[in-house]
C-alpha atoms as a PDB file:
ATOM      1  CA  MET A   1      12.826  47.832 -52.307  1.00  0.00           C
ATOM      2  CA  SER A   2      13.446  49.937 -49.196  1.00  0.00           C
ATOM      3  CA  VAL A   3       9.682  50.482 -48.748  1.00  0.00           C
ATOM      4  CA  GLY A   4       9.094  46.738 -48.922  1.00  0.00           C
ATOM      5  CA  LEU A   5      11.874  46.097 -46.404  1.00  0.00           C
ATOM      6  CA  LEU A   6      10.460  48.709 -44.011  1.00  0.00           C
ATOM      7  CA  ALA A   7       7.029  47.106 -44.318  1.00  0.00           C
ATOM      8  CA  VAL A   8       8.486  43.691 -43.448  1.00  0.00           C
ATOM      9  CA  VAL A   9      10.349  45.125 -40.446  1.00  0.00           C
ATOM     10  CA  ASP A  10       7.186  46.902 -39.303  1.00  0.00           C
ATOM     11  CA  ASP A  11       5.181  43.668 -39.599  1.00  0.00           C
ATOM     12  CA  ILE A  12       7.782  41.752 -37.585  1.00  0.00           C
ATOM     13  CA  LEU A  13       7.934  44.394 -34.845  1.00  0.00           C
ATOM     14  CA  SER A  14       4.147  44.594 -34.645  1.00  0.00           C
ATOM     15  CA  ALA A  15       3.818  40.817 -34.456  1.00  0.00           C
ATOM     16  CA  ALA A  16       6.534  40.649 -31.784  1.00  0.00           C
ATOM     17  CA  LEU A  17       4.842  43.282 -29.603  1.00  0.00           C
ATOM     18  CA  LYS A  18       1.428  41.664 -30.005  1.00  0.00           C
ATOM     19  CA  ALA A  19       2.672  38.132 -29.285  1.00  0.00           C
ATOM     20  CA  SER A  20       4.741  39.156 -26.251  1.00  0.00           C
ATOM     21  CA  SER A  21       2.040  41.305 -24.631  1.00  0.00           C
ATOM     22  CA  LYS A  22       0.472  38.315 -22.875  1.00  0.00           C
ATOM     23  CA  ALA A  23       3.835  37.459 -21.314  1.00  0.00           C
ATOM     24  CA  ALA A  24       3.987  40.797 -19.474  1.00  0.00           C
ATOM     25  CA  GLY A  25       3.258  39.158 -16.112  1.00  0.00           C
ATOM     26  CA  VAL A  26       6.240  36.821 -16.450  1.00  0.00           C
ATOM     27  CA  VAL A  27       8.439  39.751 -17.501  1.00  0.00           C
ATOM     28  CA  ILE A  28       7.524  41.535 -14.266  1.00  0.00           C
ATOM     29  CA  ASP A  29       8.296  38.355 -12.322  1.00  0.00           C
ATOM     30  CA  ASP A  30      11.684  38.062 -14.009  1.00  0.00           C
ATOM     31  CA  ALA A  31      12.541  41.677 -13.166  1.00  0.00           C
ATOM     32  CA  ALA A  32      11.458  41.142  -9.555  1.00  0.00           C
ATOM     33  CA  VAL A  33      13.387  37.901  -9.064  1.00  0.00           C
ATOM     34  CA  THR A  34      16.778  38.907 -10.506  1.00  0.00           C
ATOM     35  CA  PRO A  35      17.791  41.702  -8.046  1.00  0.00           C
ATOM     36  CA  GLN A  36      17.967  39.084  -5.288  1.00  0.00           C
ATOM     37  CA  TYR A  37      21.078  37.681  -6.930  1.00  0.00           C
ATOM     38  CA  VAL A  38      23.130  40.890  -6.601  1.00  0.00           C
ATOM     39  CA  GLN A  39      22.304  41.624  -2.981  1.00  0.00           C
ATOM     40  CA  GLY A  40      25.417  41.579  -0.813  1.00  0.00           C
ATOM     41  CA  LEU A  41      27.817  42.308  -3.666  1.00  0.00           C
ATOM     42  CA  SER A  42      30.019  45.372  -3.648  1.00  0.00           C
ATOM     43  CA  PRO A  43      28.551  48.321  -5.615  1.00  0.00           C
ATOM     44  CA  ALA A  44      31.364  48.064  -8.155  1.00  0.00           C
ATOM     45  CA  ARG A  45      30.331  44.492  -9.024  1.00  0.00           C
ATOM     46  CA  GLU A  46      26.567  45.017  -9.300  1.00  0.00           C
ATOM     47  CA  LEU A  47      26.350  46.179 -12.918  1.00  0.00           C
ATOM     48  CA  PRO A  48      28.998  43.705 -14.171  1.00  0.00           C
ATOM     49  CA  VAL A  49      27.037  40.868 -12.553  1.00  0.00           C
ATOM     50  CA  VAL A  50      23.756  42.116 -14.053  1.00  0.00           C
ATOM     51  CA  GLY A  51      25.548  42.288 -17.417  1.00  0.00           C
ATOM     52  CA  LYS A  52      26.728  38.679 -17.092  1.00  0.00           C
ATOM     53  CA  ILE A  53      23.225  37.520 -16.228  1.00  0.00           C
ATOM     54  CA  ALA A  54      21.793  39.467 -19.189  1.00  0.00           C
ATOM     55  CA  LEU A  55      24.297  37.820 -21.546  1.00  0.00           C
ATOM     56  CA  GLY A  56      23.355  34.460 -20.064  1.00  0.00           C
ATOM     57  CA  SER A  57      19.698  35.297 -20.667  1.00  0.00           C
ATOM     58  CA  ILE A  58      20.401  36.081 -24.335  1.00  0.00           C
ATOM     59  CA  ALA A  59      22.276  32.771 -24.640  1.00  0.00           C
ATOM     60  CA  ASN A  60      19.375  30.951 -22.974  1.00  0.00           C
ATOM     61  CA  LYS A  61      16.944  32.350 -25.528  1.00  0.00           C
ATOM     62  CA  PHE A  62      19.004  32.039 -28.715  1.00  0.00           C
ATOM     63  CA  VAL A  63      21.048  28.903 -28.024  1.00  0.00           C
ATOM     64  CA  ILE A  64      18.562  26.808 -26.047  1.00  0.00           C
ATOM     65  CA  ILE A  65      14.962  28.018 -25.945  1.00  0.00           C
ATOM     66  CA  ILE A  66      14.223  29.192 -29.498  1.00  0.00           C
ATOM     67  CA  PRO A  67      15.853  26.244 -31.343  1.00  0.00           C
ATOM     68  CA  ILE A  68      14.329  23.643 -29.019  1.00  0.00           C
ATOM     69  CA  ALA A  69      10.901  25.322 -29.019  1.00  0.00           C
ATOM     70  CA  LEU A  70      10.811  25.396 -32.837  1.00  0.00           C
ATOM     71  CA  LEU A  71      11.962  21.782 -33.130  1.00  0.00           C
ATOM     72  CA  LEU A  72       9.560  20.470 -30.507  1.00  0.00           C
ATOM     73  CA  THR A  73       6.657  22.502 -31.908  1.00  0.00           C
ATOM     74  CA  ALA A  74       7.314  20.970 -35.319  1.00  0.00           C
ATOM     75  CA  PHE A  75       8.124  17.370 -34.358  1.00  0.00           C
ATOM     76  CA  ALA A  76       7.185  16.633 -30.722  1.00  0.00           C
ATOM     77  CA  PRO A  77       4.755  19.204 -29.293  1.00  0.00           C
ATOM     78  CA  TRP A  78       3.630  16.699 -26.634  1.00  0.00           C
ATOM     79  CA  VAL A  79       6.998  17.106 -24.844  1.00  0.00           C
ATOM     80  CA  LEU A  80       6.541  20.825 -24.086  1.00  0.00           C
ATOM     81  CA  PRO A  81       4.066  20.442 -21.167  1.00  0.00           C
ATOM     82  CA  TYR A  82       6.396  18.008 -19.397  1.00  0.00           C
ATOM     83  CA  LEU A  83       9.304  20.431 -19.736  1.00  0.00           C
ATOM     84  CA  LEU A  84       7.171  23.247 -18.349  1.00  0.00           C
ATOM     85  CA  ILE A  85       6.132  21.065 -15.386  1.00  0.00           C
ATOM     86  CA  LEU A  86       9.804  20.398 -14.592  1.00  0.00           C
ATOM     87  CA  GLY A  87      10.630  24.082 -14.922  1.00  0.00           C
ATOM     88  CA  GLY A  88       7.695  25.055 -12.741  1.00  0.00           C
ATOM     89  CA  ALA A  89       8.705  22.526 -10.094  1.00  0.00           C
ATOM     90  CA  TYR A  90      12.201  24.024 -10.018  1.00  0.00           C
ATOM     91  CA  LEU A  91      10.785  27.509  -9.443  1.00  0.00           C
ATOM     92  CA  CYS A  92       8.541  26.129  -6.693  1.00  0.00           C
ATOM     93  CA  PHE A  93      11.614  24.605  -5.051  1.00  0.00           C
ATOM     94  CA  GLU A  94      13.484  27.917  -5.211  1.00  0.00           C
ATOM     95  CA  GLY A  95      10.571  29.847  -3.735  1.00  0.00           C
ATOM     96  CA  ALA A  96       9.887  27.335  -0.957  1.00  0.00           C
ATOM     97  CA  GLU A  97      13.560  27.266   0.040  1.00  0.00           C
ATOM     98  CA  LYS A  98      13.511  31.076   0.327  1.00  0.00           C
ATOM     99  CA  VAL A  99      10.345  30.972   2.465  1.00  0.00           C
ATOM    100  CA  LEU A 100      12.030  28.472   4.785  1.00  0.00           C
ATOM    101  CA  GLU A 101      14.948  30.891   5.124  1.00  0.00           C
ATOM    102  CA  TRP A 102      12.518  33.608   6.270  1.00  0.00           C
ATOM    103  CA  PHE A 103      11.487  31.354   9.164  1.00  0.00           C
ATOM    104  CA  GLY A 104      15.042  30.533  10.185  1.00  0.00           C
ATOM    105  CA  PHE A 105      15.491  27.253   8.341  1.00  0.00           C
ATOM    106  CA  GLY A 106      18.556  28.443   6.467  1.00  0.00           C
ATOM    107  CA  HIS A 107      21.376  26.396   5.050  1.00  0.00           C
ATOM    108  CA  GLY A 108      25.091  26.874   4.984  1.00  0.00           C
ATOM    109  CA  HIS A 109      26.631  29.130   2.354  1.00  0.00           C
ATOM    110  CA  ASP A 110      29.973  28.954   0.654  1.00  0.00           C
ATOM    111  CA  GLU A 111      32.768  31.417   1.181  1.00  0.00           C
ATOM    112  CA  LYS A 112      32.524  34.903  -0.301  1.00  0.00           C
ATOM    113  CA  GLY A 113      34.533  36.054  -3.276  1.00  0.00           C
ATOM    114  CA  GLU A 114      34.795  35.431  -6.988  1.00  0.00           C
ATOM    115  CA  ARG A 115      33.671  31.818  -6.732  1.00  0.00           C
ATOM    116  CA  ASN A 116      30.543  32.895  -4.906  1.00  0.00           C
ATOM    117  CA  GLU A 117      29.878  35.562  -7.532  1.00  0.00           C
ATOM    118  CA  ASN A 118      30.050  32.928 -10.227  1.00  0.00           C
ATOM    119  CA  ARG A 119      27.574  30.809  -8.310  1.00  0.00           C
ATOM    120  CA  LEU A 120      25.229  33.778  -8.057  1.00  0.00           C
ATOM    121  CA  VAL A 121      25.459  34.366 -11.804  1.00  0.00           C
ATOM    122  CA  TRP A 122      24.864  30.736 -12.744  1.00  0.00           C
ATOM    123  CA  GLY A 123      21.996  30.463 -10.265  1.00  0.00           C
ATOM    124  CA  ALA A 124      20.376  33.538 -11.792  1.00  0.00           C
ATOM    125  CA  ILE A 125      20.912  32.225 -15.340  1.00  0.00           C
ATOM    126  CA  ARG A 126      19.266  28.907 -14.423  1.00  0.00           C
ATOM    127  CA  THR A 127      16.261  30.733 -12.998  1.00  0.00           C
ATOM    128  CA  ASP A 128      16.169  32.988 -16.072  1.00  0.00           C
ATOM    129  CA  LEU A 129      16.118  29.896 -18.289  1.00  0.00           C
ATOM    130  CA  ILE A 130      12.789  28.824 -16.802  1.00  0.00           C
ATOM    131  CA  LEU A 131      11.208  32.277 -16.816  1.00  0.00           C
ATOM    132  CA  SER A 132      12.503  33.003 -20.321  1.00  0.00           C
ATOM    133  CA  THR A 133      11.153  29.651 -21.512  1.00  0.00           C
ATOM    134  CA  GLU A 134       7.664  30.630 -20.374  1.00  0.00           C
ATOM    135  CA  ILE A 135       7.986  34.081 -21.961  1.00  0.00           C
ATOM    136  CA  MET A 136       9.037  32.622 -25.292  1.00  0.00           C
ATOM    137  CA  LEU A 137       6.483  29.795 -25.276  1.00  0.00           C
ATOM    138  CA  ILE A 138       3.626  32.172 -24.421  1.00  0.00           C
ATOM    139  CA  SER A 139       4.782  34.442 -27.236  1.00  0.00           C
ATOM    140  CA  LEU A 140       5.088  31.503 -29.628  1.00  0.00           C
ATOM    141  CA  ALA A 141       1.562  30.352 -28.773  1.00  0.00           C
ATOM    142  CA  ASN A 142       0.187  33.823 -29.578  1.00  0.00           C
ATOM    143  CA  LEU A 143       1.754  34.152 -33.024  1.00  0.00           C
ATOM    144  CA  GLU A 144      -0.589  34.224 -35.990  1.00  0.00           C
ATOM    145  CA  GLN A 145      -1.064  30.994 -37.899  1.00  0.00           C
ATOM    146  CA  GLY A 146       0.459  30.517 -41.333  1.00  0.00           C
ATOM    147  CA  LEU A 147       3.834  32.194 -40.691  1.00  0.00           C
ATOM    148  CA  SER A 148       6.905  30.699 -42.301  1.00  0.00           C
ATOM    149  CA  ILE A 149       9.679  29.249 -40.162  1.00  0.00           C
ATOM    150  CA  TRP A 150      11.873  32.269 -40.968  1.00  0.00           C
ATOM    151  CA  GLN A 151       9.180  34.770 -40.024  1.00  0.00           C
ATOM    152  CA  THR A 152       8.588  32.923 -36.759  1.00  0.00           C
ATOM    153  CA  LEU A 153      12.319  32.843 -36.063  1.00  0.00           C
ATOM    154  CA  LEU A 154      12.718  36.582 -36.719  1.00  0.00           C
ATOM    155  CA  ILE A 155       9.750  37.478 -34.526  1.00  0.00           C
ATOM    156  CA  LEU A 156      11.014  35.310 -31.657  1.00  0.00           C
ATOM    157  CA  ALA A 157      14.475  36.860 -32.023  1.00  0.00           C
ATOM    158  CA  VAL A 158      12.986  40.363 -31.709  1.00  0.00           C
ATOM    159  CA  ILE A 159      10.999  39.260 -28.648  1.00  0.00           C
ATOM    160  CA  ALA A 160      14.123  37.747 -27.083  1.00  0.00           C
ATOM    161  CA  VAL A 161      16.159  40.947 -27.463  1.00  0.00           C
ATOM    162  CA  LEU A 162      13.274  43.202 -26.428  1.00  0.00           C
ATOM    163  CA  MET A 163      12.397  41.235 -23.296  1.00  0.00           C
ATOM    164  CA  THR A 164      16.019  40.914 -22.211  1.00  0.00           C
ATOM    165  CA  ALA A 165      16.562  44.663 -22.601  1.00  0.00           C
ATOM    166  CA  VAL A 166      13.392  45.494 -20.650  1.00  0.00           C
ATOM    167  CA  VAL A 167      14.037  43.070 -17.800  1.00  0.00           C
ATOM    168  CA  TYR A 168      17.728  43.731 -17.243  1.00  0.00           C
ATOM    169  CA  GLY A 169      17.468  47.435 -17.929  1.00  0.00           C
ATOM    170  CA  ALA A 170      14.926  47.594 -15.098  1.00  0.00           C
ATOM    171  CA  VAL A 171      17.152  45.433 -12.885  1.00  0.00           C
ATOM    172  CA  ALA A 172      20.198  47.632 -13.535  1.00  0.00           C
ATOM    173  CA  LEU A 173      18.184  50.745 -12.694  1.00  0.00           C
ATOM    174  CA  LEU A 174      16.872  49.184  -9.509  1.00  0.00           C
ATOM    175  CA  VAL A 175      20.233  48.024  -8.170  1.00  0.00           C
ATOM    176  CA  LYS A 176      21.979  51.335  -8.907  1.00  0.00           C
ATOM    177  CA  ILE A 177      19.296  53.783  -7.840  1.00  0.00           C
ATOM    178  CA  ASP A 178      20.796  53.954  -4.347  1.00  0.00           C
ATOM    179  CA  ASP A 179      24.060  55.223  -5.856  1.00  0.00           C
ATOM    180  CA  VAL A 180      22.063  57.881  -7.698  1.00  0.00           C
ATOM    181  CA  GLY A 181      20.436  58.835  -4.401  1.00  0.00           C
ATOM    182  CA  LEU A 182      23.839  59.041  -2.704  1.00  0.00           C
ATOM    183  CA  LYS A 183      25.131  61.456  -5.343  1.00  0.00           C
ATOM    184  CA  MET A 184      21.969  63.526  -5.040  1.00  0.00           C
ATOM    185  CA  ALA A 185      22.438  63.650  -1.258  1.00  0.00           C
ATOM    186  CA  LYS A 186      25.745  65.488  -1.844  1.00  0.00           C
ATOM    187  CA  HIS A 187      24.212  68.027  -4.225  1.00  0.00           C
ATOM    188  CA  PRO A 188      24.488  71.709  -3.202  1.00  0.00           C
ATOM    189  CA  VAL A 189      20.743  72.301  -3.755  1.00  0.00           C
ATOM    190  CA  ARG A 190      18.835  71.516  -0.568  1.00  0.00           C
ATOM    191  CA  LYS A 191      15.750  69.958  -2.178  1.00  0.00           C
ATOM    192  CA  VAL A 192      17.922  67.670  -4.289  1.00  0.00           C
ATOM    193  CA  ARG A 193      19.869  66.644  -1.162  1.00  0.00           C
ATOM    194  CA  HIS A 194      16.683  65.808   0.721  1.00  0.00           C
ATOM    195  CA  THR A 195      15.346  63.762  -2.209  1.00  0.00           C
ATOM    196  CA  GLY A 196      18.619  61.861  -2.442  1.00  0.00           C
ATOM    197  CA  THR A 197      18.606  61.172   1.292  1.00  0.00           C
ATOM    198  CA  ARG A 198      15.064  59.817   1.124  1.00  0.00           C
ATOM    199  CA  ILE A 199      16.019  57.555  -1.786  1.00  0.00           C
ATOM    200  CA  VAL A 200      19.015  56.141   0.101  1.00  0.00           C
ATOM    201  CA  ARG A 201      17.020  55.579   3.292  1.00  0.00           C
ATOM    202  CA  SER A 202      14.189  53.868   1.422  1.00  0.00           C
ATOM    203  CA  MET A 203      16.340  51.373  -0.473  1.00  0.00           C
ATOM    204  CA  PRO A 204      16.610  48.712   2.291  1.00  0.00           C
ATOM    205  CA  ALA A 205      12.814  48.589   2.447  1.00  0.00           C
ATOM    206  CA  VAL A 206      12.625  48.534  -1.359  1.00  0.00           C
ATOM    207  CA  PHE A 207      14.968  45.562  -1.567  1.00  0.00           C
ATOM    208  CA  ARG A 208      13.092  43.722   1.170  1.00  0.00           C
ATOM    209  CA  ALA A 209       9.907  44.286  -0.826  1.00  0.00           C
ATOM    210  CA  VAL A 210      11.632  43.140  -4.028  1.00  0.00           C
ATOM    211  CA  SER A 211      12.829  39.994  -2.261  1.00  0.00           C
ATOM    212  CA  VAL A 212       9.302  39.191  -1.124  1.00  0.00           C
ATOM    213  CA  ILE A 213       7.816  39.993  -4.549  1.00  0.00           C
ATOM    214  CA  GLY A 214      10.467  37.897  -6.270  1.00  0.00           C
ATOM    215  CA  THR A 215       9.811  34.914  -4.007  1.00  0.00           C
ATOM    216  CA  VAL A 216       6.044  35.168  -4.436  1.00  0.00           C
ATOM    217  CA  ALA A 217       6.612  35.516  -8.184  1.00  0.00           C
ATOM    218  CA  MET A 218       8.615  32.290  -8.289  1.00  0.00           C
ATOM    219  CA  LEU A 219       5.895  30.447  -6.374  1.00  0.00           C
ATOM    220  CA  TRP A 220       3.136  31.986  -8.506  1.00  0.00           C
ATOM    221  CA  VAL A 221       4.753  31.273 -11.887  1.00  0.00           C
ATOM    222  CA  GLY A 222       6.016  27.858 -10.807  1.00  0.00           C
ATOM    223  CA  GLY A 223       2.688  26.835  -9.325  1.00  0.00           C
ATOM    224  CA  HIS A 224       0.779  28.075 -12.374  1.00  0.00           C
ATOM    225  CA  LEU A 225       3.084  26.159 -14.719  1.00  0.00           C
ATOM    226  CA  VAL A 226       2.585  22.955 -12.741  1.00  0.00           C
ATOM    227  CA  LEU A 227      -1.207  23.296 -12.425  1.00  0.00           C
ATOM    228  CA  VAL A 228      -1.908  24.223 -16.035  1.00  0.00           C
ATOM    229  CA  ASN A 229       0.491  21.775 -17.653  1.00  0.00           C
ATOM    230  CA  LEU A 230      -0.625  18.854 -15.501  1.00  0.00           C
ATOM    231  CA  GLY A 231      -3.956  19.387 -17.229  1.00  0.00           C
ATOM    232  CA  GLU A 232      -2.193  19.288 -20.588  1.00  0.00           C
ATOM    233  CA  VAL A 233      -0.773  15.812 -19.826  1.00  0.00           C
ATOM    234  CA  GLY A 234      -4.044  14.339 -18.592  1.00  0.00           C
ATOM    235  CA  VAL A 235      -4.097  15.212 -14.866  1.00  0.00           C
ATOM    236  CA  HIS A 236      -7.042  17.598 -15.026  1.00  0.00           C
ATOM    237  CA  ALA A 237      -8.048  18.008 -11.365  1.00  0.00           C
ATOM    238  CA  PRO A 238      -5.498  20.733 -10.396  1.00  0.00           C
ATOM    239  CA  ALA A 239      -6.247  22.867 -13.462  1.00  0.00           C
ATOM    240  CA  ASP A 240      -9.993  22.326 -12.971  1.00  0.00           C
ATOM    241  CA  VAL A 241      -9.730  23.659  -9.417  1.00  0.00           C
ATOM    242  CA  LEU A 242      -7.858  26.731 -10.678  1.00  0.00           C
ATOM    243  CA  HIS A 243     -10.424  27.402 -13.402  1.00  0.00           C
ATOM    244  CA  GLY A 244     -13.258  26.763 -10.928  1.00  0.00           C
ATOM    245  CA  VAL A 245     -11.911  29.400  -8.541  1.00  0.00           C
ATOM    246  CA  GLU A 246     -11.534  31.872 -11.397  1.00  0.00           C
ATOM    247  CA  ASP A 247     -15.095  31.180 -12.544  1.00  0.00           C
ATOM    248  CA  LEU A 248     -16.437  31.752  -9.008  1.00  0.00           C
ATOM    249  CA  LEU A 249     -14.671  35.115  -8.856  1.00  0.00           C
ATOM    250  CA  ALA A 250     -15.639  36.207 -12.374  1.00  0.00           C
ATOM    251  CA  SER A 251     -18.555  38.326 -11.174  1.00  0.00           C
ATOM    252  CA  PHE A 252     -16.188  40.486  -9.080  1.00  0.00           C
ATOM    253  CA  GLY A 253     -14.161  41.682 -12.053  1.00  0.00           C
ATOM    254  CA  GLY A 254     -10.938  40.857 -13.831  1.00  0.00           C
ATOM    255  CA  PHE A 255      -8.563  42.018 -11.103  1.00  0.00           C
ATOM    256  CA  VAL A 256     -10.229  39.829  -8.455  1.00  0.00           C
ATOM    257  CA  VAL A 257     -10.079  36.867 -10.851  1.00  0.00           C
ATOM    258  CA  TRP A 258      -6.384  37.497 -11.422  1.00  0.00           C
ATOM    259  CA  LEU A 259      -5.737  37.906  -7.681  1.00  0.00           C
ATOM    260  CA  GLY A 260      -7.579  34.708  -6.793  1.00  0.00           C
ATOM    261  CA  GLY A 261      -5.828  32.697  -9.490  1.00  0.00           C
ATOM    262  CA  THR A 262      -2.469  34.117  -8.476  1.00  0.00           C
ATOM    263  CA  ALA A 263      -3.028  33.328  -4.787  1.00  0.00           C
ATOM    264  CA  LEU A 264      -4.066  29.749  -5.571  1.00  0.00           C
ATOM    265  CA  SER A 265      -1.108  29.270  -7.909  1.00  0.00           C
ATOM    266  CA  ALA A 266       1.312  30.648  -5.290  1.00  0.00           C
ATOM    267  CA  MET A 267      -0.127  28.442  -2.538  1.00  0.00           C
ATOM    268  CA  SER A 268       0.096  25.421  -4.827  1.00  0.00           C
ATOM    269  CA  GLY A 269       3.663  26.389  -5.719  1.00  0.00           C
ATOM    270  CA  LEU A 270       4.608  26.596  -2.038  1.00  0.00           C
ATOM    271  CA  ILE A 271       3.141  23.147  -1.359  1.00  0.00           C
ATOM    272  CA  VAL A 272       4.936  21.635  -4.353  1.00  0.00           C
ATOM    273  CA  GLY A 273       8.185  23.356  -3.358  1.00  0.00           C
ATOM    274  CA  LEU A 274       8.004  22.172   0.250  1.00  0.00           C
ATOM    275  CA  VAL A 275       7.380  18.610  -0.938  1.00  0.00           C
ATOM    276  CA  ILE A 276      10.471  18.811  -3.159  1.00  0.00           C
ATOM    277  CA  VAL A 277      12.594  20.283  -0.346  1.00  0.00           C
ATOM    278  CA  GLY A 278      11.415  17.484   1.954  1.00  0.00           C
ATOM    279  CA  ALA A 279      12.215  14.877  -0.687  1.00  0.00           C
ATOM    280  CA  VAL A 280      15.715  16.304  -1.213  1.00  0.00           C
ATOM    281  CA  LEU A 281      16.383  16.324   2.537  1.00  0.00           C
ATOM    282  CA  GLY A 282      14.988  12.798   2.923  1.00  0.00           C
ATOM    283  CA  ILE A 283      17.080  11.408   0.073  1.00  0.00           C
ATOM    284  CA  GLY A 284      20.139  13.142   1.501  1.00  0.00           C
ATOM    285  CA  ARG A 285      19.645  11.517   4.880  1.00  0.00           C
ATOM    286  CA  MET A 286      19.115   8.103   3.294  1.00  0.00           C
ATOM    287  CA  LEU A 287      22.425   8.521   1.466  1.00  0.00           C
ATOM    288  CA  GLY A 288      24.160   9.694   4.627  1.00  0.00           C
ATOM    289  CA  LYS A 289      24.736  13.147   3.205  1.00  0.00           C
ATOM    290  CA  ARG A 290      23.623  16.613   4.240  1.00  0.00           C
ATOM    291  CA  PRO A 291      22.027  18.756   1.497  1.00  0.00           C
ATOM    292  CA  THR A 292      23.057  22.417   1.438  1.00  0.00           C
ATOM    293  CA  PHE A 293      21.551  25.230  -0.601  1.00  0.00           C
ATOM    294  CA  ASP A 294      24.023  27.932  -1.591  1.00  0.00           C
ATOM    295  CA  GLU A 295      22.881  31.558  -1.845  1.00  0.00           C
ATOM    296  CA  GLY A 296      22.180  32.364  -5.467  1.00  0.00           C
ATOM    297  CA  HIS A 297      22.766  28.720  -6.333  1.00  0.00           C
ATOM    298  CA  ARG A 298      19.526  27.068  -5.405  1.00  0.00           C
ATOM    299  CA  ALA A 299      20.212  23.617  -6.760  1.00  0.00           C
ATOM    300  CA  PRO A 300      21.102  21.374  -3.805  1.00  0.00           C
ATOM    301  CA  ALA A 301      24.630  20.140  -3.291  1.00  0.00           C
ATOM    302  CA  LEU A 302      25.129  17.014  -1.200  1.00  0.00           C
ATOM    303  CA  ASP A 303      27.958  17.402   1.324  1.00  0.00           C
ATOM    304  CA  ARG A 304      29.404  14.723   3.502  1.00  0.00           C
ATOM    305  CA  ALA A 305      27.855  14.859   6.956  1.00  0.00           C
END
């Protein structure tokens, strides 16, 4: 009995690792995007906020994504591409708004404090919902055929827990490594002190890099979702261009193919995002309202002008 149970557990774990391996790129994106949401918080609030986002991510996967994915796969698989297009467009909007901020086209932010922290958390959970959806759908698509509904459910549950632990464990480590460096800088051993000092001094550059990587990741994933899933609903030209570029680069090796596809997806994501930002601003002006984009709460809020 116990041997049979261990064999079942081993099969589920193996299937989960195999199915989720192709979602590794999105996992990296998720880990790169999330630290942006804790920047500017006090050190004492960083881990609690990461914990809240991680719990929200678990809820996204178990309460929303897995049940809906199983139902739609069984009864309405044609809906999934449209949902992924909407999710991709939202990521494109987030990324484009961040790029505009880099060039000085910022928007007003709400007051600091607990309310702002809640906005940061909910903004991060909304972004996680889209990234987690792609992770789970990629994993679902790579499961072996012929599995029962219960086997599929168990495997997706393992993937959900595993991916959440990996992503938010990495995020927690990243946001607290400066505190580790600060403690090392006070160590009595000279070499340890110097290492700690270098860690602390490097963290501003690390977070700037993470911010850039996270923004590019949003544009890349969002653009890729839009391009590929437009092809799934009958608009083949964008996906054909992407595949054509990848075919042209195939002779240069896999990394060059990946880089070219990523660059095209990110550029497409930026264009889509800028169009959405322009549409939001235009609609706001037509309604006599001024759209604002709160930090960590990317969905636009229309304020009275």
